[in-house]
Amino acid sequence: MQTTHSTIKELSPAKINLFLQVTGRRPNGYHELNTLMCGVTLFDTIIFDFQASEFSIQCTHPEVPEDNTNLVWKAAELFFKTSGKKAGVKIRIEKKIPVGAGLGGGSSNAATVLKVLNRYFGSLLPDEKLREIGLEIGADVPFFIRGRPAVAKGIGEKLLEYDLLQKFHVLLVNPGINVSTAEVYKNLNLGLTKCEKIITKFPFSGVSVDICNYLCNDLETVTTKMIPDIERIKASLIKFGSQGALMSGSGPTVFGLFADINQAKFAYRELKQFPEKQKFLAEMIV
C-alpha cells in the first residue's frame, strides 16, 4: 500500500479456482459450491482520494459502471452504513484484470475498498464483520477480504484456509469475450456435473498434495459450449509445458500452472494468436 495524508493506493488481486464443484441449488436461486481459490499476482490498482467533497467512482475500463451498480460503490455504501462513518472520497479503479473473466476482479475491488475504508477509519469493524458485509455484495468477496488460499463452501460464506499449496507460476489466457455468470449457472445441469468424484479424494487439511491432480470445474462444460476456444487454450497450455490447465470460475479465462518460469514464458511466447492484453504471467499468492 502506498499512502499520503489524503491519498491511498492499493493493489487488488485476481483469483483462480483450482477446483470448483457445484453441490446444489438453494430455493432462492443461489448455487452452493465447494471451491479452492487462490489469489494471483495480476492486480488492479485502486486509488483513494480523501480530499474529495463527495463520493464518486472512476474506472479506466469503458465497460465498468461508475454508479451504484458497481460493486465498489456497494461496498463503500455498506461500509458507511454499518460503521456510521461518512466521508467524501473519490475512488479510481485502474483495471488490468479482465472484466467478466472468471477472475473475481469486481469482488476483489469491493473487498479492497472495504479493507481500505476500515483501516482509514481506525479499523472500526473486525474482519469477521467485513466478511459478513462482503457476502452481501458477492460470494467471492469474503475470500478476498481474508486474502489467503481457502476452500469456500455454501455460497462462499464458509471459508477454510488452505496453506499447503505449492506455488506455481501461472499463465492466464483470456479469449477476449465476456461471460455472464448468471447465464452460465442458468445453463448448468446439476445432473451432469463431474467434479464430485475427483474432489472427494482431496485432503482438506494436514496433507500437501499435487494440486494438478484435482483441477476440475463443473462450469467449464457450460462455458465451453459458448466459447469453444476454451478447450483449444487448455490443449495449447498443456502442449507448451503446463502441468495442468483449467478454466477459472465461470470463465472464460483459462490458466496453466507451471513449475518453471522459463517454461511459462515459452508458453506465453508460443500463444501468438493472443495479444498481450489477453495473456498474463503471474504467480500464485500462497
Foldseek 3Di string as FASTA:
>chain_A
DDDDPFKDKDWFWWKFWLEWAFDAADPVGFTKIWTKMFTWPFTKMKMKGQVAQAEWEAEPDPVADTDCVQLLNLLVVLLCVVQVDHGHMYMYIYDLPDPLFQGCHSLSNSLVSNVVVCVVVPVSDDLLVSLVSSVVSALCNNVNNVNATWTATTSNSDTDGDDQEDKFKKKKFAPPDHDDLSVLSVPQDSVPFDLPVLCVPDDRDDDHDDSQSRRYYRSQVSVCVVPVVQVVLQVLLVVLPFSHKHAGGNRDMMMGTHRDVVSVVSSVVVVVVGDPSRIDIIMTDD
